[in-house]
Amino acid sequence: MIKLVACDMAGTTIDEHGDVYTALARSVEEAGASTTPEAVQEWMGADKVEAITALIGLGGGTASGEVVDAAFIRFKEILTELYAANKPVALDGVEDTLRELRRRGIKVALTTGFSHDVAAPLLEGLGWKVADGRADGDAAGDAVLLDAVVCSDEVAAGRPAPYMIHRAMELTGVLDVREVLAAGDTVNDLQAAINAGVTAVGVLSGKLGREELAAHPHHHILDGVKDIPALLA
């Protein structure tokens, strides 16, 4: 029996119009490195500092601490500008799905390659509240969709490391990895779920198609998070 569903944010539960791809590529290019869509995609779902460091190195730049720090600041600035111009929204059926899961007594967590200072305003803009009171504002009624949020800067390493999923288990009191399902739209999401020992679910709401996700270890491929309640039933 699944007691915890841990979902990625951008591309899995939130439609942010692919702006994270744009911000990541631009910040790396401004740091003097070249990028390709394939290289950026490979690092989707990962901790953004780790992604920037790797992409600068792959693109022929100098991935010194100073350069990476400056690029990460630019990544956050660019992303904030893009989000202000084109506000992120919940993906189809996601909010109802999160409510339904919690109604069934299943804990719901979000895990993300974003740092907390990026994730918190994003969730605030959506009006999504966390039951433990971490989010600001009135944590009551239908706005409470989450039991925990884990950001990549809160663990030792981001995806494909399993630590964010295990941290979500810790925060929600779930002890058995066999009782956890983790869903995401990237290869790194699937790899993190497999490394964590939980049920790995790929969703097709991001940029990758069924064949691209299915080529990697997984348990299920779904059209979207909205299909998780039916899968569990």
Protein backbone atom coordinates (compact mmCIF):
# COMPACT_ATOMS: atom_id res chain seq x y z
CA MET A 1 0.00 0.00 0.00
CA ILE A 2 1.35 3.41 -0.98
CA LYS A 3 1.51 5.84 1.95
CA LEU A 4 3.54 8.63 0.31
CA VAL A 5 3.49 10.11 -3.18
CA ALA A 6 6.50 12.34 -3.90
CA CYS A 7 6.27 14.42 -7.08
CA ASP A 8 8.67 16.66 -8.90
CA MET A 9 7.58 20.28 -9.41
CA ALA A 10 8.38 21.87 -12.81
CA GLY A 11 7.01 19.78 -15.66
CA THR A 12 5.38 17.25 -13.34
CA THR A 13 2.94 19.15 -11.15
CA ILE A 14 3.54 22.70 -12.41
CA ASP A 15 3.43 24.07 -15.94
CA GLU A 16 6.09 26.77 -15.97
CA HIS A 17 6.13 26.86 -19.77
CA GLY A 18 9.66 25.44 -20.02
CA ASP A 19 11.14 28.61 -18.55
CA VAL A 20 13.58 26.68 -16.37
CA TYR A 21 15.19 25.29 -19.54
CA THR A 22 15.54 28.80 -20.92
CA ALA A 23 16.93 30.23 -17.70
CA LEU A 24 19.44 27.42 -17.29
CA ALA A 25 20.71 27.70 -20.88
CA ARG A 26 20.95 31.49 -20.76
CA SER A 27 22.80 31.57 -17.44
CA VAL A 28 25.34 29.05 -18.70
CA GLU A 29 25.81 30.87 -22.01
CA GLU A 30 26.29 34.19 -20.20
CA ALA A 31 29.05 32.44 -18.23
CA GLY A 32 30.91 31.88 -21.49
CA ALA A 33 29.92 28.30 -22.29
CA SER A 34 27.89 26.88 -25.14
CA THR A 35 24.82 24.69 -24.60
CA THR A 36 22.64 22.33 -26.58
CA PRO A 37 19.01 21.36 -25.88
CA GLU A 38 20.16 17.77 -25.35
CA ALA A 39 22.75 18.74 -22.75
CA VAL A 40 20.27 20.94 -20.87
CA GLN A 41 17.66 18.17 -20.94
CA GLU A 42 20.15 15.72 -19.47
CA TRP A 43 20.46 17.92 -16.40
CA MET A 44 16.75 18.63 -15.93
CA GLY A 45 15.56 17.60 -12.50
CA ALA A 46 19.03 17.90 -11.00
CA ASP A 47 20.18 20.43 -8.44
CA LYS A 48 20.65 23.65 -10.38
CA VAL A 49 24.12 24.46 -9.03
CA GLU A 50 25.24 20.96 -9.98
CA ALA A 51 23.60 21.39 -13.40
CA ILE A 52 25.23 24.76 -14.03
CA THR A 53 28.64 23.44 -12.98
CA ALA A 54 28.37 20.46 -15.32
CA LEU A 55 26.98 22.43 -18.26
CA ILE A 56 29.67 25.10 -18.04
CA GLY A 57 32.32 22.39 -18.09
CA LEU A 58 30.66 20.53 -20.96
CA GLY A 59 30.29 23.77 -22.91
CA GLY A 60 33.94 24.71 -22.76
CA GLY A 61 33.71 27.24 -19.96
CA THR A 62 35.57 27.56 -16.68
CA ALA A 63 33.48 26.10 -13.88
CA SER A 64 35.27 27.83 -11.01
CA GLY A 65 33.37 28.49 -7.82
CA GLU A 66 33.13 32.20 -8.58
CA VAL A 67 31.82 31.63 -12.11
CA VAL A 68 29.26 29.04 -10.96
CA ASP A 69 28.04 31.25 -8.12
CA ALA A 70 27.54 34.17 -10.52
CA ALA A 71 25.78 31.93 -13.05
CA PHE A 72 23.44 30.58 -10.37
CA ILE A 73 22.52 34.12 -9.34
CA ARG A 74 21.79 34.91 -12.99
CA PHE A 75 19.74 31.71 -13.32
CA LYS A 76 17.49 32.85 -10.48
CA GLU A 77 17.22 36.39 -11.86
CA ILE A 78 16.31 35.16 -15.35
CA LEU A 79 13.81 32.65 -13.99
CA THR A 80 12.14 35.31 -11.84
CA GLU A 81 11.79 37.57 -14.87
CA LEU A 82 10.34 34.78 -17.00
CA TYR A 83 7.89 33.71 -14.29
CA ALA A 84 6.75 37.30 -13.83
CA ALA A 85 6.06 37.59 -17.56
CA ASN A 86 4.37 34.18 -17.87
CA LYS A 87 3.00 32.97 -14.55
CA PRO A 88 3.39 29.24 -13.78
CA VAL A 89 0.13 27.33 -13.32
CA ALA A 90 -0.88 23.92 -12.04
CA LEU A 91 -0.88 21.18 -14.67
CA ASP A 92 -4.22 19.73 -15.65
CA GLY A 93 -5.89 17.83 -12.84
CA VAL A 94 -2.97 18.11 -10.44
CA GLU A 95 -4.64 20.08 -7.66
CA ASP A 96 -7.65 17.74 -7.59
CA THR A 97 -5.26 14.78 -7.59
CA LEU A 98 -3.27 16.06 -4.64
CA ARG A 99 -6.49 16.68 -2.70
CA GLU A 100 -7.77 13.20 -3.55
CA LEU A 101 -4.56 11.53 -2.44
CA ARG A 102 -4.62 13.36 0.89
CA ARG A 103 -8.33 12.55 1.28
CA ARG A 104 -7.36 8.87 0.99
CA GLY A 105 -4.84 9.32 3.79
CA ILE A 106 -1.82 9.30 1.47
CA LYS A 107 0.91 11.81 2.27
CA VAL A 108 1.92 14.13 -0.57
CA ALA A 109 5.37 15.70 -0.96
CA LEU A 110 7.06 17.77 -3.62
CA THR A 111 10.76 17.33 -4.38
CA THR A 112 12.60 19.73 -6.62
CA GLY A 113 15.95 20.60 -8.13
CA PHE A 114 15.19 24.21 -7.17
CA SER A 115 16.71 25.76 -4.08
CA HIS A 116 14.27 26.86 -1.39
CA ASP A 117 14.50 30.53 -2.34
CA VAL A 118 13.23 29.64 -5.83
CA ALA A 119 10.64 27.03 -4.83
CA ALA A 120 8.94 29.02 -2.05
CA PRO A 121 7.79 31.98 -4.21
CA LEU A 122 6.69 29.55 -6.91
CA LEU A 123 4.43 27.70 -4.47
CA GLU A 124 3.23 30.98 -2.99
CA GLY A 125 2.23 32.19 -6.45
CA LEU A 126 0.20 29.02 -6.98
CA GLY A 127 -1.43 29.36 -3.57
CA TRP A 128 -0.33 25.88 -2.52
CA LYS A 129 -0.01 25.43 1.24
CA VAL A 130 1.94 22.89 3.25
CA ALA A 131 0.17 21.17 6.13
CA ASP A 132 3.17 21.50 8.46
CA GLY A 133 2.96 25.27 8.20
CA ARG A 134 6.15 25.77 6.21
CA ALA A 135 4.37 27.87 3.58
CA ASP A 136 3.26 31.37 4.50
CA GLY A 137 -0.35 32.34 4.81
CA ASP A 138 -3.54 30.54 5.79
CA ALA A 139 -2.81 26.81 5.78
CA ALA A 140 -6.46 25.75 5.85
CA GLY A 141 -9.08 24.32 3.59
CA ASP A 142 -8.54 23.35 -0.03
CA ALA A 143 -5.29 25.33 -0.22
CA VAL A 144 -3.54 22.63 1.83
CA LEU A 145 -2.27 20.32 -0.89
CA LEU A 146 1.06 19.17 0.54
CA ASP A 147 2.53 17.46 3.55
CA ALA A 148 6.15 18.31 2.78
CA VAL A 149 8.40 20.10 0.29
CA VAL A 150 12.05 19.13 -0.15
CA CYS A 151 14.46 21.33 -2.12
CA SER A 152 17.82 20.30 -3.49
CA ASP A 153 19.75 22.67 -1.22
CA GLU A 154 18.36 20.87 1.83
CA VAL A 155 20.09 17.55 1.14
CA ALA A 156 23.64 16.35 0.50
CA ALA A 157 23.10 15.98 -3.26
CA GLY A 158 20.29 16.45 -5.74
CA ARG A 159 18.96 13.94 -8.23
CA PRO A 160 19.81 11.29 -9.27
CA ALA A 161 20.78 10.85 -5.61
CA PRO A 162 17.87 9.45 -3.57
CA TYR A 163 18.19 11.88 -0.70
CA MET A 164 15.24 14.17 -1.43
CA ILE A 165 12.86 11.22 -1.54
CA HIS A 166 14.27 9.83 1.68
CA ARG A 167 14.02 13.27 3.28
CA ALA A 168 10.35 13.42 2.23
CA MET A 169 9.87 10.06 3.95
CA GLU A 170 11.51 11.42 7.07
CA LEU A 171 9.29 14.52 7.10
CA THR A 172 6.09 12.52 6.59
CA GLY A 173 6.92 9.63 8.89
CA VAL A 174 6.92 6.93 6.21
CA LEU A 175 9.45 4.22 7.02
CA ASP A 176 9.20 1.67 4.22
CA VAL A 177 10.41 2.50 0.70
CA ARG A 178 7.92 -0.06 -0.62
CA GLU A 179 5.17 2.32 0.51
CA VAL A 180 6.46 5.25 -1.55
CA LEU A 181 5.76 6.29 -5.15
CA ALA A 182 7.89 9.00 -6.78
CA ALA A 183 6.79 10.68 -10.02
CA GLY A 184 8.66 12.95 -12.39
CA ASP A 185 9.04 13.99 -16.01
CA THR A 186 12.82 13.55 -16.42
CA VAL A 187 15.35 10.75 -16.52
CA ASN A 188 16.92 12.13 -13.33
CA ASP A 189 13.54 11.80 -11.60
CA LEU A 190 13.34 8.12 -12.55
CA GLN A 191 16.94 7.46 -11.55
CA ALA A 192 16.41 9.09 -8.15
CA ALA A 193 13.31 6.95 -7.55
CA ILE A 194 15.15 3.76 -8.51
CA ASN A 195 18.11 4.72 -6.33
CA ALA A 196 15.71 5.40 -3.44
CA GLY A 197 14.14 1.94 -3.81
CA VAL A 198 10.63 3.32 -4.36
CA THR A 199 8.07 2.89 -7.13
CA ALA A 200 9.37 4.96 -10.07
CA VAL A 201 6.73 6.63 -12.23
CA GLY A 202 7.51 8.71 -15.31
CA VAL A 203 4.96 11.27 -16.49
CA LEU A 204 4.60 12.65 -20.00
CA SER A 205 3.74 16.23 -18.98
CA GLY A 206 7.31 17.41 -19.56
CA LYS A 207 9.47 17.48 -22.67
CA LEU A 208 10.25 13.76 -22.93
CA GLY A 209 8.04 11.26 -24.72
CA ARG A 210 7.03 7.78 -23.68
CA GLU A 211 9.85 6.00 -25.52
CA GLU A 212 12.49 8.36 -24.14
CA LEU A 213 11.39 7.79 -20.54
CA ALA A 214 10.65 4.09 -20.98
CA ALA A 215 14.24 3.51 -22.13
CA HIS A 216 15.30 3.94 -18.50
CA PRO A 217 14.50 1.81 -15.43
CA HIS A 218 10.98 2.52 -14.20
CA HIS A 219 7.79 0.87 -12.96
CA HIS A 220 5.08 2.87 -14.73
CA ILE A 221 4.74 5.58 -17.38
CA LEU A 222 1.62 7.75 -17.09
CA ASP A 223 0.24 10.65 -19.08
CA GLY A 224 0.36 12.81 -15.99
CA VAL A 225 0.11 13.05 -12.20
CA LYS A 226 -3.66 13.13 -12.62
CA ASP A 227 -3.50 9.40 -13.42
CA ILE A 228 -1.86 8.39 -10.13
CA PRO A 229 -5.11 7.83 -8.16
CA ALA A 230 -6.35 5.39 -10.81
CA LEU A 231 -2.98 3.61 -10.77
CA LEU A 232 -3.14 3.19 -7.00
CA ALA A 233 -6.73 1.95 -7.19
